[in-house]
C-alpha atoms as a PDB file:
ATOM      1  CA  MET A   1     -32.663  -5.053 -21.713  1.00  0.00           C
ATOM      2  CA  GLU A   2     -28.918  -4.300 -21.731  1.00  0.00           C
ATOM      3  CA  LYS A   3     -27.696  -2.605 -24.882  1.00  0.00           C
ATOM      4  CA  HIS A   4     -24.938  -4.520 -26.659  1.00  0.00           C
ATOM      5  CA  GLU A   5     -22.169  -2.323 -28.026  1.00  0.00           C
ATOM      6  CA  SER A   6     -20.282  -3.088 -31.200  1.00  0.00           C
ATOM      7  CA  TYR A   7     -16.472  -3.225 -31.010  1.00  0.00           C
ATOM      8  CA  PRO A   8     -14.945  -3.606 -34.497  1.00  0.00           C
ATOM      9  CA  GLU A   9     -11.589  -5.378 -34.561  1.00  0.00           C
ATOM     10  CA  HIS A  10      -8.620  -3.059 -35.031  1.00  0.00           C
ATOM     11  CA  ARG A  11      -5.702  -5.494 -34.996  1.00  0.00           C
ATOM     12  CA  LYS A  12      -4.904  -8.912 -33.495  1.00  0.00           C
ATOM     13  CA  GLY A  13      -8.538  -9.316 -32.458  1.00  0.00           C
ATOM     14  CA  TYR A  14      -8.590  -6.248 -30.196  1.00  0.00           C
ATOM     15  CA  PRO A  15     -10.691  -3.102 -30.821  1.00  0.00           C
ATOM     16  CA  LEU A  16      -9.443   0.497 -30.742  1.00  0.00           C
ATOM     17  CA  LEU A  17     -11.130   2.547 -27.992  1.00  0.00           C
ATOM     18  CA  ARG A  18     -10.802   6.097 -26.671  1.00  0.00           C
ATOM     19  CA  GLY A  19     -11.410   7.240 -23.105  1.00  0.00           C
ATOM     20  CA  SER A  20     -11.741   5.372 -19.838  1.00  0.00           C
ATOM     21  CA  ALA A  21     -15.518   5.043 -20.049  1.00  0.00           C
ATOM     22  CA  LYS A  22     -15.367   2.862 -23.160  1.00  0.00           C
ATOM     23  CA  ILE A  23     -12.213   1.024 -22.122  1.00  0.00           C
ATOM     24  CA  ASP A  24     -13.577   0.142 -18.677  1.00  0.00           C
ATOM     25  CA  ARG A  25     -16.910  -0.927 -20.106  1.00  0.00           C
ATOM     26  CA  TYR A  26     -15.235  -3.171 -22.664  1.00  0.00           C
ATOM     27  CA  LEU A  27     -12.604  -4.774 -20.419  1.00  0.00           C
ATOM     28  CA  LEU A  28     -14.329  -4.834 -17.041  1.00  0.00           C
ATOM     29  CA  ALA A  29     -18.091  -4.691 -17.413  1.00  0.00           C
ATOM     30  CA  GLY A  30     -19.185  -5.725 -20.884  1.00  0.00           C
ATOM     31  CA  ALA A  31     -22.264  -7.829 -21.524  1.00  0.00           C
ATOM     32  CA  HIS A  32     -20.002 -10.534 -22.966  1.00  0.00           C
ATOM     33  CA  GLY A  33     -17.797 -10.740 -19.870  1.00  0.00           C
ATOM     34  CA  LEU A  34     -14.175  -9.759 -19.331  1.00  0.00           C
ATOM     35  CA  ARG A  35     -11.721  -9.202 -22.160  1.00  0.00           C
ATOM     36  CA  GLN A  36      -7.923  -9.503 -22.194  1.00  0.00           C
ATOM     37  CA  GLY A  37      -7.122  -6.101 -23.663  1.00  0.00           C
ATOM     38  CA  CYS A  38      -7.777  -3.390 -26.230  1.00  0.00           C
ATOM     39  CA  TRP A  39      -5.916  -0.805 -28.283  1.00  0.00           C
ATOM     40  CA  VAL A  40      -6.094   2.736 -26.896  1.00  0.00           C
ATOM     41  CA  GLU A  41      -6.472   5.886 -28.954  1.00  0.00           C
ATOM     42  CA  GLY A  42      -4.606   8.960 -27.736  1.00  0.00           C
ATOM     43  CA  GLU A  43      -2.366  11.884 -28.554  1.00  0.00           C
ATOM     44  CA  THR A  44       1.424  12.062 -28.573  1.00  0.00           C
ATOM     45  CA  VAL A  45       3.085  14.223 -25.915  1.00  0.00           C
ATOM     46  CA  ARG A  46       6.685  15.412 -25.657  1.00  0.00           C
ATOM     47  CA  GLY A  47       9.022  15.782 -22.695  1.00  0.00           C
ATOM     48  CA  ASP A  48      12.114  14.428 -20.968  1.00  0.00           C
ATOM     49  CA  VAL A  49      12.454  10.878 -19.660  1.00  0.00           C
ATOM     50  CA  PHE A  50      15.395   9.923 -17.439  1.00  0.00           C
ATOM     51  CA  ILE A  51      16.969   6.666 -18.625  1.00  0.00           C
ATOM     52  CA  GLY A  52      20.314   5.477 -17.303  1.00  0.00           C
ATOM     53  CA  ARG A  53      22.298   8.594 -16.431  1.00  0.00           C
ATOM     54  CA  GLN A  54      20.551  11.375 -18.333  1.00  0.00           C
ATOM     55  CA  ASN A  55      17.310  12.843 -19.633  1.00  0.00           C
ATOM     56  CA  TRP A  56      16.269  11.924 -23.153  1.00  0.00           C
ATOM     57  CA  HIS A  57      13.989  13.990 -25.361  1.00  0.00           C
ATOM     58  CA  THR A  58      11.035  11.561 -25.638  1.00  0.00           C
ATOM     59  CA  TYR A  59       7.709  11.293 -27.456  1.00  0.00           C
ATOM     60  CA  SER A  60       5.021   9.213 -25.736  1.00  0.00           C
ATOM     61  CA  ARG A  61       1.417   8.129 -26.277  1.00  0.00           C
ATOM     62  CA  PRO A  62      -1.065   5.599 -24.822  1.00  0.00           C
ATOM     63  CA  VAL A  63      -1.475   2.530 -27.023  1.00  0.00           C
ATOM     64  CA  PHE A  64      -3.009  -0.425 -25.158  1.00  0.00           C
ATOM     65  CA  ALA A  65      -4.854  -1.497 -21.999  1.00  0.00           C
ATOM     66  CA  TYR A  66      -4.906  -4.981 -20.495  1.00  0.00           C
ATOM     67  CA  LEU A  67      -5.908  -6.989 -17.437  1.00  0.00           C
ATOM     68  CA  GLU A  68      -3.387  -8.572 -15.101  1.00  0.00           C
ATOM     69  CA  GLN A  69      -4.344 -11.286 -12.630  1.00  0.00           C
ATOM     70  CA  VAL A  70      -3.934 -10.147  -9.025  1.00  0.00           C
ATOM     71  CA  ASP A  71      -5.206 -13.049  -6.928  1.00  0.00           C
ATOM     72  CA  ILE A  72      -7.337 -16.207  -6.820  1.00  0.00           C
ATOM     73  CA  ILE A  73      -9.590 -16.612  -3.766  1.00  0.00           C
ATOM     74  CA  ARG A  74     -11.324 -19.889  -2.836  1.00  0.00           C
ATOM     75  CA  LEU A  75     -14.352 -19.770  -0.529  1.00  0.00           C
ATOM     76  CA  GLU A  76     -16.070 -22.925   0.687  1.00  0.00           C
ATOM     77  CA  ASP A  77     -18.885 -21.542   2.833  1.00  0.00           C
ATOM     78  CA  GLN A  78     -22.136 -20.030   1.601  1.00  0.00           C
ATOM     79  CA  ALA A  79     -21.709 -16.630   3.188  1.00  0.00           C
ATOM     80  CA  GLU A  80     -20.466 -13.113   2.449  1.00  0.00           C
ATOM     81  CA  PHE A  81     -16.784 -12.480   3.055  1.00  0.00           C
ATOM     82  CA  LYS A  82     -14.550  -9.435   3.016  1.00  0.00           C
ATOM     83  CA  GLU A  83     -11.147 -10.335   1.604  1.00  0.00           C
ATOM     84  CA  SER A  84      -7.992  -8.230   1.324  1.00  0.00           C
ATOM     85  CA  VAL A  85      -6.023  -8.344  -1.922  1.00  0.00           C
ATOM     86  CA  THR A  86      -2.744  -6.651  -2.796  1.00  0.00           C
ATOM     87  CA  VAL A  87      -2.923  -4.342  -5.806  1.00  0.00           C
ATOM     88  CA  ALA A  88      -0.200  -2.403  -7.585  1.00  0.00           C
ATOM     89  CA  GLN A  89       0.486   1.300  -7.962  1.00  0.00           C
ATOM     90  CA  GLY A  90       2.945   2.979 -10.340  1.00  0.00           C
ATOM     91  CA  TYR A  91       4.924   1.220 -13.061  1.00  0.00           C
ATOM     92  CA  SER A  92       4.158  -2.464 -13.406  1.00  0.00           C
ATOM     93  CA  ARG A  93       6.548  -4.815 -11.649  1.00  0.00           C
ATOM     94  CA  ALA A  94       7.189  -6.661 -14.914  1.00  0.00           C
ATOM     95  CA  PHE A  95       8.283  -3.421 -16.580  1.00  0.00           C
ATOM     96  CA  THR A  96      10.594  -2.241 -13.798  1.00  0.00           C
ATOM     97  CA  GLN A  97      12.131  -5.686 -13.319  1.00  0.00           C
ATOM     98  CA  SER A  98      12.920  -5.889 -17.019  1.00  0.00           C
ATOM     99  CA  LEU A  99      15.049  -2.719 -16.845  1.00  0.00           C
ATOM    100  CA  SER A 100      18.707  -2.711 -15.874  1.00  0.00           C
ATOM    101  CA  VAL A 101      19.006   1.082 -15.604  1.00  0.00           C
ATOM    102  CA  LYS A 102      17.368   3.870 -13.634  1.00  0.00           C
ATOM    103  CA  TYR A 103      14.107   5.074 -15.169  1.00  0.00           C
ATOM    104  CA  ASP A 104      12.118   8.147 -14.153  1.00  0.00           C
ATOM    105  CA  ILE A 105       9.441  10.431 -15.632  1.00  0.00           C
ATOM    106  CA  SER A 106       8.057  13.683 -14.250  1.00  0.00           C
ATOM    107  CA  PRO A 107       4.444  13.360 -13.003  1.00  0.00           C
ATOM    108  CA  SER A 108       3.624  16.215 -15.377  1.00  0.00           C
ATOM    109  CA  ILE A 109       3.589  13.625 -18.168  1.00  0.00           C
ATOM    110  CA  ASP A 110       0.065  12.909 -16.938  1.00  0.00           C
ATOM    111  CA  ILE A 111      -1.152  15.231 -19.693  1.00  0.00           C
ATOM    112  CA  ILE A 112      -0.842  12.053 -21.755  1.00  0.00           C
ATOM    113  CA  ASN A 113      -3.837  10.670 -19.862  1.00  0.00           C
ATOM    114  CA  ALA A 114      -5.808  13.908 -19.643  1.00  0.00           C
ATOM    115  CA  SER A 115      -5.574  14.476 -23.399  1.00  0.00           C
ATOM    116  CA  ALA A 116      -6.903  10.968 -24.069  1.00  0.00           C
ATOM    117  CA  GLY A 117      -9.679  10.975 -21.459  1.00  0.00           C
ATOM    118  CA  LEU A 118      -7.933   8.317 -19.366  1.00  0.00           C
ATOM    119  CA  GLU A 119      -8.660   8.130 -15.637  1.00  0.00           C
ATOM    120  CA  MET A 120      -6.119   6.139 -13.661  1.00  0.00           C
ATOM    121  CA  GLY A 121      -7.705   6.308 -10.213  1.00  0.00           C
ATOM    122  CA  TYR A 122      -4.397   7.460  -8.713  1.00  0.00           C
ATOM    123  CA  SER A 123      -2.909  10.946  -8.423  1.00  0.00           C
ATOM    124  CA  GLN A 124      -0.165  12.017 -10.841  1.00  0.00           C
ATOM    125  CA  THR A 125       2.596  11.365  -8.320  1.00  0.00           C
ATOM    126  CA  GLU A 126       1.087   7.985  -7.395  1.00  0.00           C
ATOM    127  CA  THR A 127       0.785   6.981 -11.048  1.00  0.00           C
ATOM    128  CA  TRP A 128       4.223   7.918 -12.361  1.00  0.00           C
ATOM    129  CA  THR A 129       6.438   6.273  -9.782  1.00  0.00           C
ATOM    130  CA  ASN A 130       8.297   3.045  -9.130  1.00  0.00           C
ATOM    131  CA  GLU A 131       6.120   0.045  -8.403  1.00  0.00           C
ATOM    132  CA  LYS A 132       4.425  -0.018  -5.006  1.00  0.00           C
ATOM    133  CA  SER A 133       1.526  -1.992  -3.564  1.00  0.00           C
ATOM    134  CA  HIS A 134      -1.353  -1.519  -1.160  1.00  0.00           C
ATOM    135  CA  ALA A 135      -4.234  -3.552   0.230  1.00  0.00           C
ATOM    136  CA  LYS A 136      -7.715  -3.329  -1.229  1.00  0.00           C
ATOM    137  CA  GLU A 137     -10.834  -4.918   0.238  1.00  0.00           C
ATOM    138  CA  VAL A 138     -13.260  -6.906  -1.911  1.00  0.00           C
ATOM    139  CA  THR A 139     -16.620  -8.323  -0.832  1.00  0.00           C
ATOM    140  CA  LEU A 140     -17.415 -11.838  -2.073  1.00  0.00           C
ATOM    141  CA  LYS A 141     -20.317 -14.229  -1.631  1.00  0.00           C
ATOM    142  CA  GLY A 142     -19.276 -17.871  -1.402  1.00  0.00           C
ATOM    143  CA  PRO A 143     -18.940 -20.612  -2.176  1.00  0.00           C
ATOM    144  CA  GLY A 144     -16.768 -20.484  -5.271  1.00  0.00           C
ATOM    145  CA  VAL A 145     -13.424 -19.653  -6.816  1.00  0.00           C
ATOM    146  CA  PHE A 146     -12.924 -15.943  -7.519  1.00  0.00           C
ATOM    147  CA  THR A 147     -10.279 -14.298  -9.698  1.00  0.00           C
ATOM    148  CA  VAL A 148      -9.220 -10.687  -9.148  1.00  0.00           C
ATOM    149  CA  TYR A 149      -7.820  -8.603 -12.025  1.00  0.00           C
ATOM    150  CA  GLN A 150      -6.242  -5.148 -12.215  1.00  0.00           C
ATOM    151  CA  LEU A 151      -6.311  -2.843 -15.246  1.00  0.00           C
ATOM    152  CA  TYR A 152      -2.990  -1.608 -16.679  1.00  0.00           C
ATOM    153  CA  MET A 153      -2.278   1.071 -19.283  1.00  0.00           C
ATOM    154  CA  VAL A 154       0.516   0.725 -21.838  1.00  0.00           C
ATOM    155  CA  TYR A 155       2.464   3.622 -23.370  1.00  0.00           C
ATOM    156  CA  ALA A 156       4.714   3.715 -26.428  1.00  0.00           C
ATOM    157  CA  HIS A 157       7.818   5.898 -26.294  1.00  0.00           C
ATOM    158  CA  CYS A 158      10.392   7.169 -28.760  1.00  0.00           C
ATOM    159  CA  ALA A 159      13.552   8.347 -26.991  1.00  0.00           C
ATOM    160  CA  ASP A 160      15.340  10.640 -29.411  1.00  0.00           C
ATOM    161  CA  SER A 161      18.932   9.471 -30.131  1.00  0.00           C
ATOM    162  CA  ALA A 162      18.913   6.991 -27.204  1.00  0.00           C
ATOM    163  CA  GLY A 163      19.227   3.862 -29.330  1.00  0.00           C
ATOM    164  CA  LYS A 164      23.004   3.507 -29.347  1.00  0.00           C
ATOM    165  CA  SER A 165      23.528   3.707 -25.591  1.00  0.00           C
ATOM    166  CA  MET A 166      20.204   2.566 -24.111  1.00  0.00           C
ATOM    167  CA  ALA A 167      18.697  -0.102 -26.419  1.00  0.00           C
ATOM    168  CA  ALA A 168      20.522  -2.965 -24.703  1.00  0.00           C
ATOM    169  CA  HIS A 169      18.663  -2.213 -21.469  1.00  0.00           C
ATOM    170  CA  PHE A 170      15.255  -2.985 -23.032  1.00  0.00           C
ATOM    171  CA  LYS A 171      14.574  -6.623 -23.926  1.00  0.00           C
ATOM    172  CA  TYR A 172      11.888  -5.612 -26.408  1.00  0.00           C
ATOM    173  CA  HIS A 173      12.623  -2.512 -28.450  1.00  0.00           C
ATOM    174  CA  LYS A 174      12.927  -1.136 -31.955  1.00  0.00           C
ATOM    175  CA  GLN A 175      15.340   1.381 -33.423  1.00  0.00           C
ATOM    176  CA  LEU A 176      15.335   3.738 -36.377  1.00  0.00           C
ATOM    177  CA  LEU A 177      18.326   5.534 -37.846  1.00  0.00           C
ATOM    178  CA  ARG A 178      17.608   9.156 -38.823  1.00  0.00           C
ATOM    179  CA  GLY A 179      20.734  10.516 -40.430  1.00  0.00           C
ATOM    180  CA  ARG A 180      23.327   9.962 -37.719  1.00  0.00           C
ATOM    181  CA  VAL A 181      20.781   9.683 -34.907  1.00  0.00           C
ATOM    182  CA  LEU A 182      19.505   6.298 -33.694  1.00  0.00           C
ATOM    183  CA  ASP A 183      16.100   6.587 -32.000  1.00  0.00           C
ATOM    184  CA  LEU A 184      14.865   4.058 -29.435  1.00  0.00           C
ATOM    185  CA  TYR A 185      11.256   2.786 -29.345  1.00  0.00           C
ATOM    186  CA  TYR A 186       9.955   0.905 -26.305  1.00  0.00           C
ATOM    187  CA  LEU A 187       6.858   0.352 -24.136  1.00  0.00           C
ATOM    188  CA  SER A 188       6.075   1.041 -20.485  1.00  0.00           C
ATOM    189  CA  SER A 189       3.208  -0.248 -18.346  1.00  0.00           C
ATOM    190  CA  VAL A 190       1.437   1.595 -15.519  1.00  0.00           C
ATOM    191  CA  ALA A 191      -1.174   0.337 -13.044  1.00  0.00           C
ATOM    192  CA  THR A 192      -4.593   1.920 -12.683  1.00  0.00           C
ATOM    193  CA  ASN A 193      -6.558   1.730  -9.433  1.00  0.00           C
ATOM    194  CA  LYS A 194      -9.272  -0.294 -11.160  1.00  0.00           C
ATOM    195  CA  THR A 195      -9.958  -3.907 -10.267  1.00  0.00           C
ATOM    196  CA  VAL A 196     -12.647  -6.435 -11.048  1.00  0.00           C
ATOM    197  CA  THR A 197     -13.491  -9.765  -9.401  1.00  0.00           C
ATOM    198  CA  VAL A 198     -15.258 -12.581 -11.244  1.00  0.00           C
ATOM    199  CA  LYS A 199     -16.410 -16.036 -10.274  1.00  0.00           C
ATOM    200  CA  GLY A 200     -15.497 -19.356 -11.811  1.00  0.00           C
ATOM    201  CA  GLU A 201     -16.001 -19.657 -15.536  1.00  0.00           C
ATOM    202  CA  ALA A 202     -16.169 -15.868 -15.997  1.00  0.00           C
ATOM    203  CA  ALA A 203     -12.369 -15.730 -15.557  1.00  0.00           C
ATOM    204  CA  VAL A 204     -10.196 -15.018 -18.602  1.00  0.00           C
ATOM    205  CA  SER A 205      -6.636 -15.982 -19.427  1.00  0.00           C
ATOM    206  CA  PRO A 206      -4.717 -12.710 -18.995  1.00  0.00           C
ATOM    207  CA  LEU A 207      -1.946 -11.349 -21.178  1.00  0.00           C
ATOM    208  CA  ASP A 208       1.463 -11.096 -19.552  1.00  0.00           C
ATOM    209  CA  TRP A 209       3.998  -8.331 -20.186  1.00  0.00           C
ATOM    210  CA  GLU A 210       5.835 -10.459 -22.737  1.00  0.00           C
ATOM    211  CA  ASP A 211       2.588 -10.983 -24.680  1.00  0.00           C
ATOM    212  CA  VAL A 212       1.824  -7.267 -24.623  1.00  0.00           C
ATOM    213  CA  GLN A 213       5.248  -6.227 -25.884  1.00  0.00           C
ATOM    214  CA  ARG A 214       5.141  -8.794 -28.661  1.00  0.00           C
ATOM    215  CA  ILE A 215       1.610  -7.867 -29.812  1.00  0.00           C
ATOM    216  CA  VAL A 216       1.895  -4.100 -29.427  1.00  0.00           C
ATOM    217  CA  LEU A 217       5.509  -3.244 -30.243  1.00  0.00           C
ATOM    218  CA  MET A 218       7.143  -6.094 -32.113  1.00  0.00           C
ATOM    219  CA  GLU A 219       4.139  -7.022 -34.281  1.00  0.00           C
ATOM    220  CA  GLY A 220       2.033  -3.870 -34.061  1.00  0.00           C
ATOM    221  CA  PHE A 221       4.458  -1.048 -34.797  1.00  0.00           C
ATOM    222  CA  ASP A 222       6.749  -0.154 -37.700  1.00  0.00           C
ATOM    223  CA  PRO A 223       9.059   2.855 -37.119  1.00  0.00           C
ATOM    224  CA  GLN A 224       9.842   3.162 -40.820  1.00  0.00           C
ATOM    225  CA  ALA A 225       6.148   3.421 -41.719  1.00  0.00           C
ATOM    226  CA  ASN A 226       5.353   5.818 -38.876  1.00  0.00           C
ATOM    227  CA  ASP A 227       5.634   9.010 -40.937  1.00  0.00           C
ATOM    228  CA  ASP A 228       3.926   7.600 -44.037  1.00  0.00           C
ATOM    229  CA  PRO A 229       0.292   8.850 -44.088  1.00  0.00           C
ATOM    230  CA  ASN A 230      -0.606   6.177 -46.631  1.00  0.00           C
ATOM    231  CA  SER A 231       0.727   3.261 -44.586  1.00  0.00           C
ATOM    232  CA  ASN A 232      -1.665   1.103 -42.564  1.00  0.00           C
ATOM    233  CA  ASP A 233       0.955  -1.447 -41.572  1.00  0.00           C
ATOM    234  CA  ALA A 234       1.107  -0.322 -37.931  1.00  0.00           C
ATOM    235  CA  ALA A 235      -1.539  -0.609 -35.218  1.00  0.00           C
ATOM    236  CA  PHE A 236      -0.625   2.879 -33.989  1.00  0.00           C
ATOM    237  CA  LYS A 237       1.554   5.847 -34.930  1.00  0.00           C
ATOM    238  CA  ILE A 238       3.542   8.377 -32.930  1.00  0.00           C
ATOM    239  CA  ASP A 239       2.611  11.917 -33.970  1.00  0.00           C
ATOM    240  CA  PHE A 240       5.891  13.814 -33.669  1.00  0.00           C
ATOM    241  CA  TYR A 241       4.605  16.878 -35.523  1.00  0.00           C
ATOM    242  CA  SER A 242       1.644  17.604 -33.226  1.00  0.00           C
ATOM    243  CA  ALA A 243       3.748  17.138 -30.099  1.00  0.00           C
ATOM    244  CA  ASP A 244       6.329  19.574 -31.462  1.00  0.00           C
ATOM    245  CA  ILE A 245       3.961  22.391 -32.433  1.00  0.00           C
ATOM    246  CA  ASN A 246       1.245  22.144 -29.761  1.00  0.00           C
ATOM    247  CA  PRO A 247       2.255  23.548 -26.324  1.00  0.00           C
ATOM    248  CA  ARG A 248      -0.646  21.644 -24.753  1.00  0.00           C
ATOM    249  CA  LEU A 249       1.136  18.390 -25.593  1.00  0.00           C
ATOM    250  CA  ARG A 250       4.455  19.253 -23.956  1.00  0.00           C
ATOM    251  CA  TYR A 251       5.453  18.737 -20.330  1.00  0.00           C
END
């Protein structure tokens, strides 16, 4: 008999999970079928992110994982078929298309995944790059309607002092004034090389990038409460202190 795991709600109906094993099991292979998404536990790392025309001192951490629909395949015959689907690699298309400036991160930021036990299925250079695509073969047994999903990881970022000049380039963002410095908070989305195919009624209605930004950033995060240890108003917090003092969390 399959063991049923318990996933207590963290916020907005989604649980908080750590590591790819639990995340994959919950989203892709749970006894209750597919799920839209989950909060992700992880550590904050520090390094430079190129936005616009310069590098910005930036704090980043994983915060959410979700499924994106890749394709719908209809098979009429009762036979086994091998179908080719196009899957993504690198930043999500929705994220890159929403930006109006150049955006680039060193592949060495992948310590953000290693420290959280996250396995992307791509190399560092394949993961942290502009959106690309490649073909992937899936084996299906007809007849039926099959839906293919791909798993994406979401990261929260705080670009130190970038708010004044860069905020307008992010549709969804938050800002916090620290003295004379205006910090910029935003999300990015990166594809994993993990897909799942389900038949008929097992399909779920996926979250889109707008949904994710609204749930995670606009409703799930409060910059003003971030440094308050007694505040539980936010679904996640960015740990500036640990990223500053721990060399393991810098890239």
